[in-house]
Amino acid sequence: FAPLRVIRFDELSDEQRDTLFATG
């Protein structure tokens, strides 16, 4: 999923990141 982006990704904890869905 390297081509995908998430806004404010750097502000999220590892625990929050692991709950994110891969979306367009």
PDB file of all heavy atoms in Angstrom:
ATOM      1  N   PHE A   1       0.817  -1.214   0.000  1.00  0.00           N
ATOM      2  CA  PHE A   1       0.000   0.000   0.000  1.00  0.00           C
ATOM      3  C   PHE A   1       0.853   1.267   0.000  1.00  0.00           C
ATOM      4  O   PHE A   1       0.376   2.354   0.348  1.00  0.00           O
ATOM      5  CB  PHE A   1      -0.934   0.008   1.210  1.00  0.00           C
ATOM      6  CG  PHE A   1      -1.913  -1.130   1.229  1.00  0.00           C
ATOM      7  CD1 PHE A   1      -2.040  -1.954   2.344  1.00  0.00           C
ATOM      8  CD2 PHE A   1      -2.701  -1.397   0.119  1.00  0.00           C
ATOM      9  CE1 PHE A   1      -2.941  -3.000   2.368  1.00  0.00           C
ATOM     10  CE2 PHE A   1      -3.603  -2.448   0.124  1.00  0.00           C
ATOM     11  CZ  PHE A   1      -3.730  -3.259   1.248  1.00  0.00           C
ATOM     12  N   ALA A   2       2.084   1.158  -0.452  1.00  0.00           N
ATOM     13  CA  ALA A   2       2.994   2.317  -0.457  1.00  0.00           C
ATOM     14  C   ALA A   2       2.457   3.518  -1.232  1.00  0.00           C
ATOM     15  O   ALA A   2       2.728   4.661  -0.849  1.00  0.00           O
ATOM     16  CB  ALA A   2       4.360   1.889  -1.018  1.00  0.00           C
ATOM     17  N   PRO A   3       1.679   3.333  -2.318  1.00  0.00           N
ATOM     18  CA  PRO A   3       1.176   4.512  -3.043  1.00  0.00           C
ATOM     19  C   PRO A   3       0.057   5.271  -2.319  1.00  0.00           C
ATOM     20  O   PRO A   3      -0.342   6.340  -2.773  1.00  0.00           O
ATOM     21  CB  PRO A   3       0.646   3.921  -4.361  1.00  0.00           C
ATOM     22  CG  PRO A   3       1.292   2.589  -4.495  1.00  0.00           C
ATOM     23  CD  PRO A   3       1.433   2.098  -3.095  1.00  0.00           C
ATOM     24  N   LEU A   4      -0.454   4.729  -1.222  1.00  0.00           N
ATOM     25  CA  LEU A   4      -1.586   5.355  -0.543  1.00  0.00           C
ATOM     26  C   LEU A   4      -1.109   6.375   0.484  1.00  0.00           C
ATOM     27  O   LEU A   4      -0.035   6.234   1.066  1.00  0.00           O
ATOM     28  CB  LEU A   4      -2.453   4.296   0.145  1.00  0.00           C
ATOM     29  CG  LEU A   4      -2.962   3.156  -0.750  1.00  0.00           C
ATOM     30  CD1 LEU A   4      -3.868   2.232   0.047  1.00  0.00           C
ATOM     31  CD2 LEU A   4      -3.695   3.701  -1.972  1.00  0.00           C
ATOM     32  N   ARG A   5      -1.948   7.398   0.718  1.00  0.00           N
ATOM     33  CA  ARG A   5      -1.630   8.468   1.656  1.00  0.00           C
ATOM     34  C   ARG A   5      -2.694   8.540   2.742  1.00  0.00           C
ATOM     35  O   ARG A   5      -3.859   8.182   2.518  1.00  0.00           O
ATOM     36  CB  ARG A   5      -1.567   9.838   0.954  1.00  0.00           C
ATOM     37  CG  ARG A   5      -0.467   9.971  -0.085  1.00  0.00           C
ATOM     38  CD  ARG A   5      -0.596  11.312  -0.801  1.00  0.00           C
ATOM     39  NE  ARG A   5      -0.587  12.429   0.128  1.00  0.00           N
ATOM     40  CZ  ARG A   5       0.482  13.177   0.398  1.00  0.00           C
ATOM     41  NH1 ARG A   5       1.617  12.922  -0.224  1.00  0.00           N
ATOM     42  NH2 ARG A   5       0.427  14.177   1.247  1.00  0.00           N
ATOM     43  N   VAL A   6      -2.295   9.054   3.905  1.00  0.00           N
ATOM     44  CA  VAL A   6      -3.225   9.309   5.002  1.00  0.00           C
ATOM     45  C   VAL A   6      -2.907  10.687   5.562  1.00  0.00           C
ATOM     46  O   VAL A   6      -1.748  10.953   5.923  1.00  0.00           O
ATOM     47  CB  VAL A   6      -3.094   8.251   6.127  1.00  0.00           C
ATOM     48  CG1 VAL A   6      -3.991   8.619   7.311  1.00  0.00           C
ATOM     49  CG2 VAL A   6      -3.439   6.865   5.607  1.00  0.00           C
ATOM     50  N   ILE A   7      -3.908  11.559   5.630  1.00  0.00           N
ATOM     51  CA  ILE A   7      -3.639  12.897   6.162  1.00  0.00           C
ATOM     52  C   ILE A   7      -3.310  12.795   7.650  1.00  0.00           C
ATOM     53  O   ILE A   7      -3.853  11.978   8.376  1.00  0.00           O
ATOM     54  CB  ILE A   7      -4.829  13.852   5.932  1.00  0.00           C
ATOM     55  CG1 ILE A   7      -6.090  13.347   6.629  1.00  0.00           C
ATOM     56  CG2 ILE A   7      -5.085  14.045   4.452  1.00  0.00           C
ATOM     57  CD1 ILE A   7      -7.212  14.368   6.644  1.00  0.00           C
ATOM     58  N   ARG A   8      -2.379  13.631   8.072  1.00  0.00           N
ATOM     59  CA  ARG A   8      -1.937  13.710   9.477  1.00  0.00           C
ATOM     60  C   ARG A   8      -1.444  12.362  10.003  1.00  0.00           C
ATOM     61  O   ARG A   8      -1.582  12.053  11.184  1.00  0.00           O
ATOM     62  CB  ARG A   8      -3.073  14.246  10.356  1.00  0.00           C
ATOM     63  CG  ARG A   8      -3.492  15.664   9.960  1.00  0.00           C
ATOM     64  CD  ARG A   8      -4.565  16.207  10.862  1.00  0.00           C
ATOM     65  NE  ARG A   8      -4.889  17.591  10.523  1.00  0.00           N
ATOM     66  CZ  ARG A   8      -5.816  18.322  11.126  1.00  0.00           C
ATOM     67  NH1 ARG A   8      -6.524  17.783  12.109  1.00  0.00           N
ATOM     68  NH2 ARG A   8      -6.034  19.568  10.756  1.00  0.00           N
ATOM     69  N   PHE A   9      -0.871  11.567   9.109  1.00  0.00           N
ATOM     70  CA  PHE A   9      -0.383  10.243   9.507  1.00  0.00           C
ATOM     71  C   PHE A   9       0.665  10.349  10.616  1.00  0.00           C
ATOM     72  O   PHE A   9       0.682   9.529  11.551  1.00  0.00           O
ATOM     73  CB  PHE A   9       0.207   9.538   8.280  1.00  0.00           C
ATOM     74  CG  PHE A   9       0.645   8.116   8.520  1.00  0.00           C
ATOM     75  CD1 PHE A   9      -0.284   7.095   8.602  1.00  0.00           C
ATOM     76  CD2 PHE A   9       2.001   7.798   8.661  1.00  0.00           C
ATOM     77  CE1 PHE A   9       0.118   5.779   8.812  1.00  0.00           C
ATOM     78  CE2 PHE A   9       2.404   6.491   8.867  1.00  0.00           C
ATOM     79  CZ  PHE A   9       1.469   5.478   8.949  1.00  0.00           C
ATOM     80  N   ASP A  10       1.514  11.368  10.526  1.00  0.00           N
ATOM     81  CA  ASP A  10       2.592  11.511  11.511  1.00  0.00           C
ATOM     82  C   ASP A  10       2.071  11.819  12.904  1.00  0.00           C
ATOM     83  O   ASP A  10       2.795  11.638  13.889  1.00  0.00           O
ATOM     84  CB  ASP A  10       3.562  12.617  11.077  1.00  0.00           C
ATOM     85  CG  ASP A  10       4.334  12.253   9.814  1.00  0.00           C
ATOM     86  OD1 ASP A  10       4.400  11.047   9.491  1.00  0.00           O
ATOM     87  OD2 ASP A  10       4.839  13.170   9.141  1.00  0.00           O
ATOM     88  N   GLU A  11       0.829  12.294  13.016  1.00  0.00           N
ATOM     89  CA  GLU A  11       0.259  12.634  14.318  1.00  0.00           C
ATOM     90  C   GLU A  11      -0.355  11.430  15.023  1.00  0.00           C
ATOM     91  O   GLU A  11      -0.771  11.538  16.179  1.00  0.00           O
ATOM     92  CB  GLU A  11      -0.800  13.722  14.150  1.00  0.00           C
ATOM     93  CG  GLU A  11      -0.264  15.012  13.531  1.00  0.00           C
ATOM     94  CD  GLU A  11      -1.370  16.012  13.233  1.00  0.00           C
ATOM     95  OE1 GLU A  11      -2.481  15.838  13.783  1.00  0.00           O
ATOM     96  OE2 GLU A  11      -1.125  16.949  12.451  1.00  0.00           O
ATOM     97  N   LEU A  12      -0.440  10.279  14.340  1.00  0.00           N
ATOM     98  CA  LEU A  12      -1.098   9.108  14.899  1.00  0.00           C
ATOM     99  C   LEU A  12      -0.102   8.192  15.608  1.00  0.00           C
ATOM    100  O   LEU A  12       1.056   8.069  15.199  1.00  0.00           O
ATOM    101  CB  LEU A  12      -1.791   8.316  13.787  1.00  0.00           C
ATOM    102  CG  LEU A  12      -2.816   9.075  12.936  1.00  0.00           C
ATOM    103  CD1 LEU A  12      -3.377   8.161  11.855  1.00  0.00           C
ATOM    104  CD2 LEU A  12      -3.935   9.650  13.794  1.00  0.00           C
ATOM    105  N   SER A  13      -0.574   7.561  16.654  1.00  0.00           N
ATOM    106  CA  SER A  13       0.251   6.565  17.344  1.00  0.00           C
ATOM    107  C   SER A  13       0.289   5.284  16.524  1.00  0.00           C
ATOM    108  O   SER A  13      -0.524   5.080  15.607  1.00  0.00           O
ATOM    109  CB  SER A  13      -0.335   6.268  18.725  1.00  0.00           C
ATOM    110  OG  SER A  13      -1.600   5.623  18.599  1.00  0.00           O
ATOM    111  N   ASP A  14       1.225   4.391  16.861  1.00  0.00           N
ATOM    112  CA  ASP A  14       1.295   3.103  16.166  1.00  0.00           C
ATOM    113  C   ASP A  14      -0.004   2.325  16.335  1.00  0.00           C
ATOM    114  O   ASP A  14      -0.464   1.646  15.400  1.00  0.00           O
ATOM    115  CB  ASP A  14       2.472   2.280  16.693  1.00  0.00           C
ATOM    116  CG  ASP A  14       3.813   2.794  16.196  1.00  0.00           C
ATOM    117  OD1 ASP A  14       3.821   3.744  15.379  1.00  0.00           O
ATOM    118  OD2 ASP A  14       4.857   2.262  16.629  1.00  0.00           O
ATOM    119  N   GLU A  15      -0.603   2.409  17.512  1.00  0.00           N
ATOM    120  CA  GLU A  15      -1.863   1.695  17.766  1.00  0.00           C
ATOM    121  C   GLU A  15      -2.965   2.230  16.858  1.00  0.00           C
ATOM    122  O   GLU A  15      -3.754   1.443  16.306  1.00  0.00           O
ATOM    123  CB  GLU A  15      -2.268   1.842  19.235  1.00  0.00           C
ATOM    124  CG  GLU A  15      -1.384   1.098  20.226  1.00  0.00           C
ATOM    125  CD  GLU A  15      -0.045   1.787  20.451  1.00  0.00           C
ATOM    126  OE1 GLU A  15       0.090   2.986  20.106  1.00  0.00           O
ATOM    127  OE2 GLU A  15       0.862   1.121  20.982  1.00  0.00           O
ATOM    128  N   GLN A  16      -3.039   3.542  16.700  1.00  0.00           N
ATOM    129  CA  GLN A  16      -4.045   4.121  15.807  1.00  0.00           C
ATOM    130  C   GLN A  16      -3.778   3.751  14.354  1.00  0.00           C
ATOM    131  O   GLN A  16      -4.698   3.432  13.603  1.00  0.00           O
ATOM    132  CB  GLN A  16      -4.070   5.644  15.947  1.00  0.00           C
ATOM    133  CG  GLN A  16      -4.661   6.158  17.250  1.00  0.00           C
ATOM    134  CD  GLN A  16      -4.544   7.660  17.361  1.00  0.00           C
ATOM    135  OE1 GLN A  16      -3.468   8.233  17.172  1.00  0.00           O
ATOM    136  NE2 GLN A  16      -5.653   8.320  17.675  1.00  0.00           N
ATOM    137  N   ARG A  17      -2.524   3.772  13.955  1.00  0.00           N
ATOM    138  CA  ARG A  17      -2.188   3.433  12.570  1.00  0.00           C
ATOM    139  C   ARG A  17      -2.609   2.014  12.221  1.00  0.00           C
ATOM    140  O   ARG A  17      -3.044   1.740  11.095  1.00  0.00           O
ATOM    141  CB  ARG A  17      -0.688   3.601  12.348  1.00  0.00           C
ATOM    142  CG  ARG A  17      -0.204   5.047  12.420  1.00  0.00           C
ATOM    143  CD  ARG A  17       1.301   5.119  12.273  1.00  0.00           C
ATOM    144  NE  ARG A  17       1.795   6.500  12.375  1.00  0.00           N
ATOM    145  CZ  ARG A  17       3.061   6.842  12.293  1.00  0.00           C
ATOM    146  NH1 ARG A  17       3.998   5.909  12.100  1.00  0.00           N
ATOM    147  NH2 ARG A  17       3.416   8.108  12.399  1.00  0.00           N
ATOM    148  N   ASP A  18      -2.493   1.110  13.170  1.00  0.00           N
ATOM    149  CA  ASP A  18      -2.832  -0.283  12.887  1.00  0.00           C
ATOM    150  C   ASP A  18      -4.335  -0.518  12.762  1.00  0.00           C
ATOM    151  O   ASP A  18      -4.765  -1.613  12.391  1.00  0.00           O
ATOM    152  CB  ASP A  18      -2.252  -1.193  13.975  1.00  0.00           C
ATOM    153  CG  ASP A  18      -0.742  -1.377  13.843  1.00  0.00           C
ATOM    154  OD1 ASP A  18      -0.180  -0.951  12.811  1.00  0.00           O
ATOM    155  OD2 ASP A  18      -0.124  -1.936  14.767  1.00  0.00           O
ATOM    156  N   THR A  19      -5.153   0.500  13.074  1.00  0.00           N
ATOM    157  CA  THR A  19      -6.606   0.386  12.881  1.00  0.00           C
ATOM    158  C   THR A  19      -7.067   0.995  11.553  1.00  0.00           C
ATOM    159  O   THR A  19      -8.240   0.881  11.198  1.00  0.00           O
ATOM    160  CB  THR A  19      -7.369   1.096  14.014  1.00  0.00           C
ATOM    161  OG1 THR A  19      -7.171   2.515  13.926  1.00  0.00           O
ATOM    162  CG2 THR A  19      -6.915   0.601  15.382  1.00  0.00           C
ATOM    163  N   LEU A  20      -6.160   1.626  10.817  1.00  0.00           N
ATOM    164  CA  LEU A  20      -6.541   2.311   9.579  1.00  0.00           C
ATOM    165  C   LEU A  20      -6.847   1.308   8.470  1.00  0.00           C
ATOM    166  O   LEU A  20      -6.148   0.306   8.308  1.00  0.00           O
ATOM    167  CB  LEU A  20      -5.408   3.232   9.111  1.00  0.00           C
ATOM    168  CG  LEU A  20      -4.968   4.354  10.056  1.00  0.00           C
ATOM    169  CD1 LEU A  20      -3.768   5.098   9.463  1.00  0.00           C
ATOM    170  CD2 LEU A  20      -6.119   5.314  10.341  1.00  0.00           C
ATOM    171  N   PHE A  21      -7.881   1.601   7.696  1.00  0.00           N
ATOM    172  CA  PHE A  21      -8.186   0.798   6.518  1.00  0.00           C
ATOM    173  C   PHE A  21      -7.434   1.360   5.308  1.00  0.00           C
ATOM    174  O   PHE A  21      -7.179   2.573   5.214  1.00  0.00           O
ATOM    175  CB  PHE A  21      -9.689   0.817   6.223  1.00  0.00           C
ATOM    176  CG  PHE A  21     -10.526   0.092   7.235  1.00  0.00           C
ATOM    177  CD1 PHE A  21     -11.584   0.733   7.872  1.00  0.00           C
ATOM    178  CD2 PHE A  21     -10.276  -1.233   7.552  1.00  0.00           C
ATOM    179  CE1 PHE A  21     -12.366   0.071   8.800  1.00  0.00           C
ATOM    180  CE2 PHE A  21     -11.048  -1.913   8.485  1.00  0.00           C
ATOM    181  CZ  PHE A  21     -12.102  -1.256   9.114  1.00  0.00           C
ATOM    182  N   ALA A  22      -7.091   0.485   4.381  1.00  0.00           N
ATOM    183  CA  ALA A  22      -6.474   0.901   3.119  1.00  0.00           C
ATOM    184  C   ALA A  22      -7.585   1.363   2.180  1.00  0.00           C
ATOM    185  O   ALA A  22      -8.390   0.554   1.707  1.00  0.00           O
ATOM    186  CB  ALA A  22      -5.696  -0.256   2.499  1.00  0.00           C
ATOM    187  N   THR A  23      -7.653   2.663   1.928  1.00  0.00           N
ATOM    188  CA  THR A  23      -8.706   3.237   1.091  1.00  0.00           C
ATOM    189  C   THR A  23      -8.098   4.138   0.023  1.00  0.00           C
ATOM    190  O   THR A  23      -6.949   4.576   0.147  1.00  0.00           O
ATOM    191  CB  THR A  23      -9.702   4.055   1.928  1.00  0.00           C
ATOM    192  OG1 THR A  23      -9.067   5.247   2.404  1.00  0.00           O
ATOM    193  CG2 THR A  23     -10.228   3.256   3.115  1.00  0.00           C
ATOM    194  N   GLY A  24      -8.884   4.449  -0.973  1.00  0.00           N
ATOM    195  CA  GLY A  24      -8.391   5.291  -2.060  1.00  0.00           C
ATOM    196  C   GLY A  24      -8.127   6.718  -1.639  1.00  0.00           C
ATOM    197  O   GLY A  24      -7.253   7.380  -2.193  1.00  0.00           O
TER     198      GLY A  24
END
